[in-house]
Amino acid sequence: MHELSIVEALIDQVRETLEQEGEKGRVSKLELSIGRLSGVCCDSVRFAFGLLAPGTVAEGAEIVIQQPKAACNCRACNVPTEIDDLVIECPNCGSGDISIEGGRELLLQSIDIEE
């Protein structure tokens, strides 16, 4: 389960960000963007966060995860589209000649802090 190491890195990133910004409040919410093609299981991230957050700057924080669809462009008909999963086929023309433009991201979007 590589989500454990992802959550460890996330908590480190939150701690470093708070130190750089001089923030002293309690982290109340973290918002993540995990693309549907990232290979990261959101339920496993939530589980790992529950295990690793206690005793850290993220203890007690709510974790909110957005899962953007994969942004693609069909090379055959040149139509931009979005897909939900690994069935990569243009919904316009049925071609499999697709370039993936997004959907693999794993980003910390925001940190909410209570004073």
PDB file of N, CA and C in Angstrom:
ATOM      1  N   MET A   1       0.847  -1.172   0.000  1.00  0.00           N
ATOM      2  CA  MET A   1       0.000   0.000   0.000  1.00  0.00           C
ATOM      3  C   MET A   1       0.892   1.235   0.000  1.00  0.00           C
ATOM      4  N   HIS A   2       1.142   1.799  -1.171  1.00  0.00           N
ATOM      5  CA  HIS A   2       2.002   2.974  -1.277  1.00  0.00           C
ATOM      6  C   HIS A   2       1.327   4.240  -0.750  1.00  0.00           C
ATOM      7  N   GLU A   3       0.046   4.143  -0.437  1.00  0.00           N
ATOM      8  CA  GLU A   3      -0.665   5.294   0.111  1.00  0.00           C
ATOM      9  C   GLU A   3      -0.095   5.718   1.464  1.00  0.00           C
ATOM     10  N   LEU A   4       0.478   4.775   2.227  1.00  0.00           N
ATOM     11  CA  LEU A   4       1.109   5.132   3.504  1.00  0.00           C
ATOM     12  C   LEU A   4       2.247   6.121   3.283  1.00  0.00           C
ATOM     13  N   SER A   5       3.098   5.839   2.311  1.00  0.00           N
ATOM     14  CA  SER A   5       4.216   6.755   2.048  1.00  0.00           C
ATOM     15  C   SER A   5       3.714   8.074   1.461  1.00  0.00           C
ATOM     16  N   ILE A   6       2.631   8.029   0.715  1.00  0.00           N
ATOM     17  CA  ILE A   6       2.043   9.260   0.174  1.00  0.00           C
ATOM     18  C   ILE A   6       1.529  10.136   1.313  1.00  0.00           C
ATOM     19  N   VAL A   7       0.848   9.535   2.275  1.00  0.00           N
ATOM     20  CA  VAL A   7       0.316  10.300   3.408  1.00  0.00           C
ATOM     21  C   VAL A   7       1.449  10.808   4.297  1.00  0.00           C
ATOM     22  N   GLU A   8       2.503  10.024   4.467  1.00  0.00           N
ATOM     23  CA  GLU A   8       3.673  10.508   5.216  1.00  0.00           C
ATOM     24  C   GLU A   8       4.232  11.767   4.564  1.00  0.00           C
ATOM     25  N   ALA A   9       4.373  11.729   3.241  1.00  0.00           N
ATOM     26  CA  ALA A   9       4.885  12.890   2.505  1.00  0.00           C
ATOM     27  C   ALA A   9       3.914  14.069   2.599  1.00  0.00           C
ATOM     28  N   LEU A  10       2.618  13.794   2.567  1.00  0.00           N
ATOM     29  CA  LEU A  10       1.604  14.840   2.698  1.00  0.00           C
ATOM     30  C   LEU A  10       1.728  15.546   4.047  1.00  0.00           C
ATOM     31  N   ILE A  11       1.834  14.778   5.112  1.00  0.00           N
ATOM     32  CA  ILE A  11       1.951  15.364   6.451  1.00  0.00           C
ATOM     33  C   ILE A  11       3.240  16.173   6.566  1.00  0.00           C
ATOM     34  N   ASP A  12       4.326  15.665   5.985  1.00  0.00           N
ATOM     35  CA  ASP A  12       5.584  16.427   5.967  1.00  0.00           C
ATOM     36  C   ASP A  12       5.410  17.745   5.218  1.00  0.00           C
ATOM     37  N   GLN A  13       4.710  17.696   4.088  1.00  0.00           N
ATOM     38  CA  GLN A  13       4.482  18.907   3.297  1.00  0.00           C
ATOM     39  C   GLN A  13       3.655  19.923   4.082  1.00  0.00           C
ATOM     40  N   VAL A  14       2.645  19.457   4.788  1.00  0.00           N
ATOM     41  CA  VAL A  14       1.820  20.355   5.604  1.00  0.00           C
ATOM     42  C   VAL A  14       2.670  20.992   6.696  1.00  0.00           C
ATOM     43  N   ARG A  15       3.460  20.185   7.397  1.00  0.00           N
ATOM     44  CA  ARG A  15       4.326  20.697   8.466  1.00  0.00           C
ATOM     45  C   ARG A  15       5.294  21.743   7.925  1.00  0.00           C
ATOM     46  N   GLU A  16       5.947  21.443   6.796  1.00  0.00           N
ATOM     47  CA  GLU A  16       6.906  22.374   6.199  1.00  0.00           C
ATOM     48  C   GLU A  16       6.225  23.672   5.757  1.00  0.00           C
ATOM     49  N   THR A  17       5.033  23.560   5.200  1.00  0.00           N
ATOM     50  CA  THR A  17       4.293  24.748   4.767  1.00  0.00           C
ATOM     51  C   THR A  17       3.942  25.628   5.958  1.00  0.00           C
ATOM     52  N   LEU A  18       3.478  25.014   7.041  1.00  0.00           N
ATOM     53  CA  LEU A  18       3.136  25.783   8.243  1.00  0.00           C
ATOM     54  C   LEU A  18       4.366  26.482   8.806  1.00  0.00           C
ATOM     55  N   GLU A  19       5.501  25.787   8.817  1.00  0.00           N
ATOM     56  CA  GLU A  19       6.743  26.390   9.314  1.00  0.00           C
ATOM     57  C   GLU A  19       7.169  27.566   8.444  1.00  0.00           C
ATOM     58  N   GLN A  20       7.108  27.393   7.118  1.00  0.00           N
ATOM     59  CA  GLN A  20       7.510  28.456   6.195  1.00  0.00           C
ATOM     60  C   GLN A  20       6.610  29.683   6.320  1.00  0.00           C
ATOM     61  N   GLU A  21       5.320  29.454   6.545  1.00  0.00           N
ATOM     62  CA  GLU A  21       4.356  30.552   6.629  1.00  0.00           C
ATOM     63  C   GLU A  21       4.250  31.126   8.041  1.00  0.00           C
ATOM     64  N   GLY A  22       4.902  30.482   9.007  1.00  0.00           N
ATOM     65  CA  GLY A  22       4.837  30.948  10.387  1.00  0.00           C
ATOM     66  C   GLY A  22       3.478  30.750  11.035  1.00  0.00           C
ATOM     67  N   GLU A  23       2.720  29.782  10.541  1.00  0.00           N
ATOM     68  CA  GLU A  23       1.377  29.511  11.071  1.00  0.00           C
ATOM     69  C   GLU A  23       1.468  28.697  12.353  1.00  0.00           C
ATOM     70  N   LYS A  24       0.669  29.081  13.347  1.00  0.00           N
ATOM     71  CA  LYS A  24       0.676  28.390  14.640  1.00  0.00           C
ATOM     72  C   LYS A  24      -0.668  27.744  14.964  1.00  0.00           C
ATOM     73  N   GLY A  25      -1.694  27.982  14.151  1.00  0.00           N
ATOM     74  CA  GLY A  25      -3.028  27.448  14.436  1.00  0.00           C
ATOM     75  C   GLY A  25      -3.123  25.954  14.177  1.00  0.00           C
ATOM     76  N   ARG A  26      -4.302  25.419  14.500  1.00  0.00           N
ATOM     77  CA  ARG A  26      -4.564  23.996  14.294  1.00  0.00           C
ATOM     78  C   ARG A  26      -5.067  23.763  12.870  1.00  0.00           C
ATOM     79  N   VAL A  27      -4.544  22.741  12.224  1.00  0.00           N
ATOM     80  CA  VAL A  27      -5.011  22.377  10.884  1.00  0.00           C
ATOM     81  C   VAL A  27      -6.390  21.743  11.038  1.00  0.00           C
ATOM     82  N   SER A  28      -7.392  22.348  10.396  1.00  0.00           N
ATOM     83  CA  SER A  28      -8.758  21.830  10.508  1.00  0.00           C
ATOM     84  C   SER A  28      -9.187  21.033   9.283  1.00  0.00           C
ATOM     85  N   LYS A  29      -8.603  21.356   8.126  1.00  0.00           N
ATOM     86  CA  LYS A  29      -9.004  20.651   6.904  1.00  0.00           C
ATOM     87  C   LYS A  29      -7.887  20.687   5.875  1.00  0.00           C
ATOM     88  N   LEU A  30      -7.725  19.562   5.190  1.00  0.00           N
ATOM     89  CA  LEU A  30      -6.805  19.455   4.055  1.00  0.00           C
ATOM     90  C   LEU A  30      -7.623  19.071   2.837  1.00  0.00           C
ATOM     91  N   GLU A  31      -7.404  19.777   1.736  1.00  0.00           N
ATOM     92  CA  GLU A  31      -8.079  19.433   0.489  1.00  0.00           C
ATOM     93  C   GLU A  31      -7.051  18.916  -0.503  1.00  0.00           C
ATOM     94  N   LEU A  32      -7.335  17.727  -1.028  1.00  0.00           N
ATOM     95  CA  LEU A  32      -6.440  17.083  -1.992  1.00  0.00           C
ATOM     96  C   LEU A  32      -7.147  16.923  -3.327  1.00  0.00           C
ATOM     97  N   SER A  33      -6.359  16.884  -4.381  1.00  0.00           N
ATOM     98  CA  SER A  33      -6.840  16.536  -5.707  1.00  0.00           C
ATOM     99  C   SER A  33      -6.068  15.298  -6.138  1.00  0.00           C
ATOM    100  N   ILE A  34      -6.799  14.194  -6.304  1.00  0.00           N
ATOM    101  CA  ILE A  34      -6.176  12.928  -6.704  1.00  0.00           C
ATOM    102  C   ILE A  34      -6.832  12.490  -8.003  1.00  0.00           C
ATOM    103  N   GLY A  35      -6.102  12.598  -9.096  1.00  0.00           N
ATOM    104  CA  GLY A  35      -6.641  12.259 -10.407  1.00  0.00           C
ATOM    105  C   GLY A  35      -7.052  10.801 -10.505  1.00  0.00           C
ATOM    106  N   ARG A  36      -8.066  10.552 -11.294  1.00  0.00           N
ATOM    107  CA  ARG A  36      -8.609   9.193 -11.427  1.00  0.00           C
ATOM    108  C   ARG A  36      -7.639   8.220 -12.083  1.00  0.00           C
ATOM    109  N   LEU A  37      -6.644   8.743 -12.784  1.00  0.00           N
ATOM    110  CA  LEU A  37      -5.653   7.864 -13.410  1.00  0.00           C
ATOM    111  C   LEU A  37      -4.340   7.844 -12.633  1.00  0.00           C
ATOM    112  N   SER A  38      -4.345   8.367 -11.419  1.00  0.00           N
ATOM    113  CA  SER A  38      -3.110   8.460 -10.629  1.00  0.00           C
ATOM    114  C   SER A  38      -2.664   7.119 -10.067  1.00  0.00           C
ATOM    115  N   GLY A  39      -3.578   6.164  -9.973  1.00  0.00           N
ATOM    116  CA  GLY A  39      -3.243   4.881  -9.367  1.00  0.00           C
ATOM    117  C   GLY A  39      -3.302   4.902  -7.854  1.00  0.00           C
ATOM    118  N   VAL A  40      -3.789   6.005  -7.290  1.00  0.00           N
ATOM    119  CA  VAL A  40      -3.885   6.154  -5.837  1.00  0.00           C
ATOM    120  C   VAL A  40      -5.330   5.892  -5.419  1.00  0.00           C
ATOM    121  N   CYS A  41      -5.508   5.019  -4.439  1.00  0.00           N
ATOM    122  CA  CYS A  41      -6.834   4.680  -3.917  1.00  0.00           C
ATOM    123  C   CYS A  41      -7.213   5.677  -2.821  1.00  0.00           C
ATOM    124  N   CYS A  42      -8.270   6.435  -3.051  1.00  0.00           N
ATOM    125  CA  CYS A  42      -8.684   7.473  -2.096  1.00  0.00           C
ATOM    126  C   CYS A  42      -9.070   6.882  -0.745  1.00  0.00           C
ATOM    127  N   ASP A  43      -9.728   5.736  -0.738  1.00  0.00           N
ATOM    128  CA  ASP A  43     -10.087   5.103   0.533  1.00  0.00           C
ATOM    129  C   ASP A  43      -8.841   4.718   1.318  1.00  0.00           C
ATOM    130  N   SER A  44      -7.811   4.260   0.626  1.00  0.00           N
ATOM    131  CA  SER A  44      -6.556   3.906   1.298  1.00  0.00           C
ATOM    132  C   SER A  44      -5.852   5.148   1.838  1.00  0.00           C
ATOM    133  N   VAL A  45      -5.961   6.266   1.125  1.00  0.00           N
ATOM    134  CA  VAL A  45      -5.390   7.525   1.617  1.00  0.00           C
ATOM    135  C   VAL A  45      -6.102   7.936   2.903  1.00  0.00           C
ATOM    136  N   ARG A  46      -7.424   7.852   2.906  1.00  0.00           N
ATOM    137  CA  ARG A  46      -8.182   8.201   4.116  1.00  0.00           C
ATOM    138  C   ARG A  46      -7.795   7.289   5.286  1.00  0.00           C
ATOM    139  N   PHE A  47      -7.677   5.995   5.012  1.00  0.00           N
ATOM    140  CA  PHE A  47      -7.296   5.035   6.046  1.00  0.00           C
ATOM    141  C   PHE A  47      -5.900   5.350   6.585  1.00  0.00           C
ATOM    142  N   ALA A  48      -4.951   5.559   5.686  1.00  0.00           N
ATOM    143  CA  ALA A  48      -3.574   5.861   6.092  1.00  0.00           C
ATOM    144  C   ALA A  48      -3.513   7.174   6.866  1.00  0.00           C
ATOM    145  N   PHE A  49      -4.308   8.147   6.457  1.00  0.00           N
ATOM    146  CA  PHE A  49      -4.338   9.429   7.161  1.00  0.00           C
ATOM    147  C   PHE A  49      -4.823   9.232   8.597  1.00  0.00           C
ATOM    148  N   GLY A  50      -5.841   8.399   8.768  1.00  0.00           N
ATOM    149  CA  GLY A  50      -6.345   8.103  10.103  1.00  0.00           C
ATOM    150  C   GLY A  50      -5.307   7.437  10.991  1.00  0.00           C
ATOM    151  N   LEU A  51      -4.424   6.650  10.385  1.00  0.00           N
ATOM    152  CA  LEU A  51      -3.353   5.986  11.136  1.00  0.00           C
ATOM    153  C   LEU A  51      -2.197   6.923  11.459  1.00  0.00           C
ATOM    154  N   LEU A  52      -1.835   7.772  10.510  1.00  0.00           N
ATOM    155  CA  LEU A  52      -0.602   8.551  10.622  1.00  0.00           C
ATOM    156  C   LEU A  52      -0.776   9.960  11.180  1.00  0.00           C
ATOM    157  N   ALA A  53      -1.953  10.543  11.075  1.00  0.00           N
ATOM    158  CA  ALA A  53      -2.144  11.933  11.499  1.00  0.00           C
ATOM    159  C   ALA A  53      -2.044  12.156  13.012  1.00  0.00           C
ATOM    160  N   PRO A  54      -2.528  11.233  13.856  1.00  0.00           N
ATOM    161  CA  PRO A  54      -2.428  11.483  15.302  1.00  0.00           C
ATOM    162  C   PRO A  54      -0.982  11.747  15.737  1.00  0.00           C
ATOM    163  N   GLY A  55      -0.828  12.804  16.541  1.00  0.00           N
ATOM    164  CA  GLY A  55       0.497  13.182  17.022  1.00  0.00           C
ATOM    165  C   GLY A  55       1.276  14.072  16.074  1.00  0.00           C
ATOM    166  N   THR A  56       0.638  14.482  14.959  1.00  0.00           N
ATOM    167  CA  THR A  56       1.298  15.351  13.978  1.00  0.00           C
ATOM    168  C   THR A  56       0.520  16.659  13.860  1.00  0.00           C
ATOM    169  N   VAL A  57       1.011  17.568  13.024  1.00  0.00           N
ATOM    170  CA  VAL A  57       0.308  18.834  12.784  1.00  0.00           C
ATOM    171  C   VAL A  57      -1.068  18.617  12.158  1.00  0.00           C
ATOM    172  N   ALA A  58      -1.288  17.451  11.562  1.00  0.00           N
ATOM    173  CA  ALA A  58      -2.553  17.160  10.888  1.00  0.00           C
ATOM    174  C   ALA A  58      -3.552  16.427  11.783  1.00  0.00           C
ATOM    175  N   GLU A  59      -3.203  16.217  13.034  1.00  0.00           N
ATOM    176  CA  GLU A  59      -4.100  15.493  13.944  1.00  0.00           C
ATOM    177  C   GLU A  59      -5.449  16.196  14.038  1.00  0.00           C
ATOM    178  N   GLY A  60      -6.516  15.429  13.862  1.00  0.00           N
ATOM    179  CA  GLY A  60      -7.871  15.964  13.963  1.00  0.00           C
ATOM    180  C   GLY A  60      -8.376  16.668  12.722  1.00  0.00           C
ATOM    181  N   ALA A  61      -7.551  16.798  11.711  1.00  0.00           N
ATOM    182  CA  ALA A  61      -7.964  17.503  10.489  1.00  0.00           C
ATOM    183  C   ALA A  61      -8.895  16.635   9.651  1.00  0.00           C
ATOM    184  N   GLU A  62      -9.837  17.301   9.010  1.00  0.00           N
ATOM    185  CA  GLU A  62     -10.697  16.641   8.028  1.00  0.00           C
ATOM    186  C   GLU A  62      -9.904  16.558   6.725  1.00  0.00           C
ATOM    187  N   ILE A  63     -10.061  15.452   6.012  1.00  0.00           N
ATOM    188  CA  ILE A  63      -9.396  15.336   4.712  1.00  0.00           C
ATOM    189  C   ILE A  63     -10.487  15.251   3.640  1.00  0.00           C
ATOM    190  N   VAL A  64     -10.428  16.169   2.687  1.00  0.00           N
ATOM    191  CA  VAL A  64     -11.406  16.238   1.602  1.00  0.00           C
ATOM    192  C   VAL A  64     -10.662  15.935   0.307  1.00  0.00           C
ATOM    193  N   ILE A  65     -11.174  14.966  -0.444  1.00  0.00           N
ATOM    194  CA  ILE A  65     -10.489  14.540  -1.667  1.00  0.00           C
ATOM    195  C   ILE A  65     -11.394  14.766  -2.874  1.00  0.00           C
ATOM    196  N   GLN A  66     -10.889  15.524  -3.828  1.00  0.00           N
ATOM    197  CA  GLN A  66     -11.546  15.693  -5.123  1.00  0.00           C
ATOM    198  C   GLN A  66     -10.882  14.726  -6.098  1.00  0.00           C
ATOM    199  N   GLN A  67     -11.675  14.144  -7.000  1.00  0.00           N
ATOM    200  CA  GLN A  67     -11.138  13.217  -7.998  1.00  0.00           C
ATOM    201  C   GLN A  67     -11.478  13.702  -9.403  1.00  0.00           C
ATOM    202  N   PRO A  68     -10.636  14.578  -9.951  1.00  0.00           N
ATOM    203  CA  PRO A  68     -10.921  15.057 -11.304  1.00  0.00           C
ATOM    204  C   PRO A  68     -10.806  13.941 -12.340  1.00  0.00           C
ATOM    205  N   LYS A  69     -11.661  14.043 -13.348  1.00  0.00           N
ATOM    206  CA  LYS A  69     -11.589  13.100 -14.463  1.00  0.00           C
ATOM    207  C   LYS A  69     -10.317  13.359 -15.254  1.00  0.00           C
ATOM    208  N   ALA A  70      -9.959  12.407 -16.070  1.00  0.00           N
ATOM    209  CA  ALA A  70      -8.782  12.555 -16.920  1.00  0.00           C
ATOM    210  C   ALA A  70      -9.132  13.416 -18.131  1.00  0.00           C
ATOM    211  N   ALA A  71      -8.364  14.467 -18.336  1.00  0.00           N
ATOM    212  CA  ALA A  71      -8.532  15.311 -19.516  1.00  0.00           C
ATOM    213  C   ALA A  71      -7.734  14.685 -20.655  1.00  0.00           C
ATOM    214  N   CYS A  72      -8.390  14.498 -21.793  1.00  0.00           N
ATOM    215  CA  CYS A  72      -7.757  13.837 -22.941  1.00  0.00           C
ATOM    216  C   CYS A  72      -8.039  14.618 -24.216  1.00  0.00           C
ATOM    217  N   ASN A  73      -7.259  14.294 -25.229  1.00  0.00           N
ATOM    218  CA  ASN A  73      -7.485  14.856 -26.549  1.00  0.00           C
ATOM    219  C   ASN A  73      -7.369  13.718 -27.558  1.00  0.00           C
ATOM    220  N   CYS A  74      -8.376  13.594 -28.418  1.00  0.00           N
ATOM    221  CA  CYS A  74      -8.358  12.555 -29.443  1.00  0.00           C
ATOM    222  C   CYS A  74      -7.509  13.034 -30.616  1.00  0.00           C
ATOM    223  N   ARG A  75      -6.516  12.239 -30.970  1.00  0.00           N
ATOM    224  CA  ARG A  75      -5.653  12.603 -32.100  1.00  0.00           C
ATOM    225  C   ARG A  75      -6.345  12.354 -33.438  1.00  0.00           C
ATOM    226  N   ALA A  76      -7.348  11.467 -33.444  1.00  0.00           N
ATOM    227  CA  ALA A  76      -8.038  11.138 -34.688  1.00  0.00           C
ATOM    228  C   ALA A  76      -9.022  12.238 -35.102  1.00  0.00           C
ATOM    229  N   CYS A  77      -9.837  12.707 -34.151  1.00  0.00           N
ATOM    230  CA  CYS A  77     -10.847  13.718 -34.502  1.00  0.00           C
ATOM    231  C   CYS A  77     -10.571  15.068 -33.848  1.00  0.00           C
ATOM    232  N   ASN A  78      -9.486  15.150 -33.074  1.00  0.00           N
ATOM    233  CA  ASN A  78      -9.039  16.385 -32.428  1.00  0.00           C
ATOM    234  C   ASN A  78     -10.085  16.995 -31.485  1.00  0.00           C
ATOM    235  N   VAL A  79     -10.846  16.126 -30.803  1.00  0.00           N
ATOM    236  CA  VAL A  79     -11.858  16.588 -29.863  1.00  0.00           C
ATOM    237  C   VAL A  79     -11.352  16.385 -28.437  1.00  0.00           C
ATOM    238  N   PRO A  80     -11.323  17.458 -27.629  1.00  0.00           N
ATOM    239  CA  PRO A  80     -10.960  17.293 -26.220  1.00  0.00           C
ATOM    240  C   PRO A  80     -12.117  16.630 -25.467  1.00  0.00           C
ATOM    241  N   THR A  81     -11.785  15.788 -24.497  1.00  0.00           N
ATOM    242  CA  THR A  81     -12.813  15.083 -23.736  1.00  0.00           C
ATOM    243  C   THR A  81     -12.291  14.735 -22.356  1.00  0.00           C
ATOM    244  N   GLU A  82     -13.160  14.194 -21.533  1.00  0.00           N
ATOM    245  CA  GLU A  82     -12.783  13.700 -20.219  1.00  0.00           C
ATOM    246  C   GLU A  82     -13.209  12.245 -20.125  1.00  0.00           C
ATOM    247  N   ILE A  83     -12.409  11.444 -19.415  1.00  0.00           N
ATOM    248  CA  ILE A  83     -12.762  10.045 -19.202  1.00  0.00           C
ATOM    249  C   ILE A  83     -12.730   9.752 -17.710  1.00  0.00           C
ATOM    250  N   ASP A  84     -13.478   8.724 -17.308  1.00  0.00           N
ATOM    251  CA  ASP A  84     -13.589   8.361 -15.899  1.00  0.00           C
ATOM    252  C   ASP A  84     -12.594   7.299 -15.460  1.00  0.00           C
ATOM    253  N   ASP A  85     -12.182   6.441 -16.365  1.00  0.00           N
ATOM    254  CA  ASP A  85     -11.361   5.308 -15.947  1.00  0.00           C
ATOM    255  C   ASP A  85     -10.362   4.936 -17.032  1.00  0.00           C
ATOM    256  N   LEU A  86      -9.821   3.740 -16.932  1.00  0.00           N
ATOM    257  CA  LEU A  86      -8.770   3.327 -17.861  1.00  0.00           C
ATOM    258  C   LEU A  86      -9.280   2.807 -19.200  1.00  0.00           C
ATOM    259  N   VAL A  87     -10.580   2.858 -19.441  1.00  0.00           N
ATOM    260  CA  VAL A  87     -11.109   2.533 -20.760  1.00  0.00           C
ATOM    261  C   VAL A  87     -10.935   3.799 -21.589  1.00  0.00           C
ATOM    262  N   ILE A  88      -9.813   3.839 -22.296  1.00  0.00           N
ATOM    263  CA  ILE A  88      -9.441   5.070 -22.989  1.00  0.00           C
ATOM    264  C   ILE A  88      -9.846   4.970 -24.453  1.00  0.00           C
ATOM    265  N   GLU A  89     -11.013   5.527 -24.723  1.00  0.00           N
ATOM    266  CA  GLU A  89     -11.564   5.532 -26.068  1.00  0.00           C
ATOM    267  C   GLU A  89     -12.311   6.849 -26.255  1.00  0.00           C
ATOM    268  N   CYS A  90     -12.140   7.443 -27.395  1.00  0.00           N
ATOM    269  CA  CYS A  90     -12.814   8.706 -27.677  1.00  0.00           C
ATOM    270  C   CYS A  90     -14.331   8.486 -27.733  1.00  0.00           C
ATOM    271  N   PRO A  91     -15.086   9.206 -26.913  1.00  0.00           N
ATOM    272  CA  PRO A  91     -16.542   9.057 -26.961  1.00  0.00           C
ATOM    273  C   PRO A  91     -17.155   9.658 -28.227  1.00  0.00           C
ATOM    274  N   ASN A  92     -16.384  10.480 -28.940  1.00  0.00           N
ATOM    275  CA  ASN A  92     -16.876  11.112 -30.157  1.00  0.00           C
ATOM    276  C   ASN A  92     -16.742  10.194 -31.374  1.00  0.00           C
ATOM    277  N   CYS A  93     -15.540   9.597 -31.557  1.00  0.00           N
ATOM    278  CA  CYS A  93     -15.312   8.802 -32.774  1.00  0.00           C
ATOM    279  C   CYS A  93     -14.941   7.345 -32.497  1.00  0.00           C
ATOM    280  N   GLY A  94     -14.693   6.990 -31.225  1.00  0.00           N
ATOM    281  CA  GLY A  94     -14.359   5.611 -30.876  1.00  0.00           C
ATOM    282  C   GLY A  94     -12.893   5.262 -31.017  1.00  0.00           C
ATOM    283  N   SER A  95     -12.070   6.203 -31.426  1.00  0.00           N
ATOM    284  CA  SER A  95     -10.641   5.946 -31.609  1.00  0.00           C
ATOM    285  C   SER A  95      -9.954   5.719 -30.263  1.00  0.00           C
ATOM    286  N   GLY A  96      -8.926   4.893 -30.286  1.00  0.00           N
ATOM    287  CA  GLY A  96      -8.092   4.683 -29.109  1.00  0.00           C
ATOM    288  C   GLY A  96      -6.842   5.539 -29.144  1.00  0.00           C
ATOM    289  N   ASP A  97      -6.720   6.384 -30.169  1.00  0.00           N
ATOM    290  CA  ASP A  97      -5.542   7.247 -30.310  1.00  0.00           C
ATOM    291  C   ASP A  97      -5.760   8.523 -29.494  1.00  0.00           C
ATOM    292  N   ILE A  98      -5.563   8.377 -28.196  1.00  0.00           N
ATOM    293  CA  ILE A  98      -5.869   9.437 -27.237  1.00  0.00           C
ATOM    294  C   ILE A  98      -4.589   9.901 -26.563  1.00  0.00           C
ATOM    295  N   SER A  99      -4.437  11.207 -26.400  1.00  0.00           N
ATOM    296  CA  SER A  99      -3.342  11.719 -25.570  1.00  0.00           C
ATOM    297  C   SER A  99      -3.950  12.169 -24.243  1.00  0.00           C
ATOM    298  N   ILE A 100      -3.347  11.714 -23.157  1.00  0.00           N
ATOM    299  CA  ILE A 100      -3.843  12.053 -21.829  1.00  0.00           C
ATOM    300  C   ILE A 100      -3.175  13.347 -21.384  1.00  0.00           C
ATOM    301  N   GLU A 101      -3.993  14.336 -21.069  1.00  0.00           N
ATOM    302  CA  GLU A 101      -3.503  15.661 -20.694  1.00  0.00           C
ATOM    303  C   GLU A 101      -3.562  15.898 -19.187  1.00  0.00           C
ATOM    304  N   GLY A 102      -4.344  15.120 -18.470  1.00  0.00           N
ATOM    305  CA  GLY A 102      -4.489  15.302 -17.029  1.00  0.00           C
ATOM    306  C   GLY A 102      -5.215  14.128 -16.415  1.00  0.00           C
ATOM    307  N   GLY A 103      -5.268  14.114 -15.094  1.00  0.00           N
ATOM    308  CA  GLY A 103      -5.945  13.028 -14.399  1.00  0.00           C
ATOM    309  C   GLY A 103      -4.998  12.144 -13.612  1.00  0.00           C
ATOM    310  N   ARG A 104      -3.704  12.468 -13.670  1.00  0.00           N
ATOM    311  CA  ARG A 104      -2.699  11.692 -12.929  1.00  0.00           C
ATOM    312  C   ARG A 104      -2.168  12.458 -11.720  1.00  0.00           C
ATOM    313  N   GLU A 105      -2.740  13.626 -11.469  1.00  0.00           N
ATOM    314  CA  GLU A 105      -2.195  14.500 -10.435  1.00  0.00           C
ATOM    315  C   GLU A 105      -2.473  13.975  -9.030  1.00  0.00           C
ATOM    316  N   LEU A 106      -1.624  14.415  -8.124  1.00  0.00           N
ATOM    317  CA  LEU A 106      -1.779  14.193  -6.688  1.00  0.00           C
ATOM    318  C   LEU A 106      -1.303  15.481  -6.033  1.00  0.00           C
ATOM    319  N   LEU A 107      -2.261  16.356  -5.690  1.00  0.00           N
ATOM    320  CA  LEU A 107      -1.927  17.707  -5.240  1.00  0.00           C
ATOM    321  C   LEU A 107      -2.571  18.036  -3.903  1.00  0.00           C
ATOM    322  N   LEU A 108      -1.823  18.723  -3.064  1.00  0.00           N
ATOM    323  CA  LEU A 108      -2.386  19.335  -1.868  1.00  0.00           C
ATOM    324  C   LEU A 108      -2.922  20.691  -2.307  1.00  0.00           C
ATOM    325  N   GLN A 109      -4.238  20.828  -2.358  1.00  0.00           N
ATOM    326  CA  GLN A 109      -4.861  22.044  -2.876  1.00  0.00           C
ATOM    327  C   GLN A 109      -4.931  23.153  -1.834  1.00  0.00           C
ATOM    328  N   SER A 110      -5.287  22.793  -0.595  1.00  0.00           N
ATOM    329  CA  SER A 110      -5.403  23.828   0.429  1.00  0.00           C
ATOM    330  C   SER A 110      -5.258  23.247   1.831  1.00  0.00           C
ATOM    331  N   ILE A 111      -4.869  24.130   2.742  1.00  0.00           N
ATOM    332  CA  ILE A 111      -4.755  23.816   4.166  1.00  0.00           C
ATOM    333  C   ILE A 111      -5.587  24.856   4.903  1.00  0.00           C
ATOM    334  N   ASP A 112      -6.621  24.417   5.612  1.00  0.00           N
ATOM    335  CA  ASP A 112      -7.420  25.331   6.429  1.00  0.00           C
ATOM    336  C   ASP A 112      -6.895  25.281   7.856  1.00  0.00           C
ATOM    337  N   ILE A 113      -6.740  26.463   8.456  1.00  0.00           N
ATOM    338  CA  ILE A 113      -6.159  26.568   9.794  1.00  0.00           C
ATOM    339  C   ILE A 113      -7.109  27.344  10.694  1.00  0.00           C
ATOM    340  N   GLU A 114      -7.323  26.805  11.890  1.00  0.00           N
ATOM    341  CA  GLU A 114      -8.091  27.519  12.914  1.00  0.00           C
ATOM    342  C   GLU A 114      -7.115  28.245  13.811  1.00  0.00           C
ATOM    343  N   GLU A 115      -7.399  29.487  14.088  1.00  0.00           N
ATOM    344  CA  GLU A 115      -6.505  30.292  14.946  1.00  0.00           C
ATOM    345  C   GLU A 115      -6.660  29.940  16.391  1.00  0.00           C
TER     346      GLU A 115
END
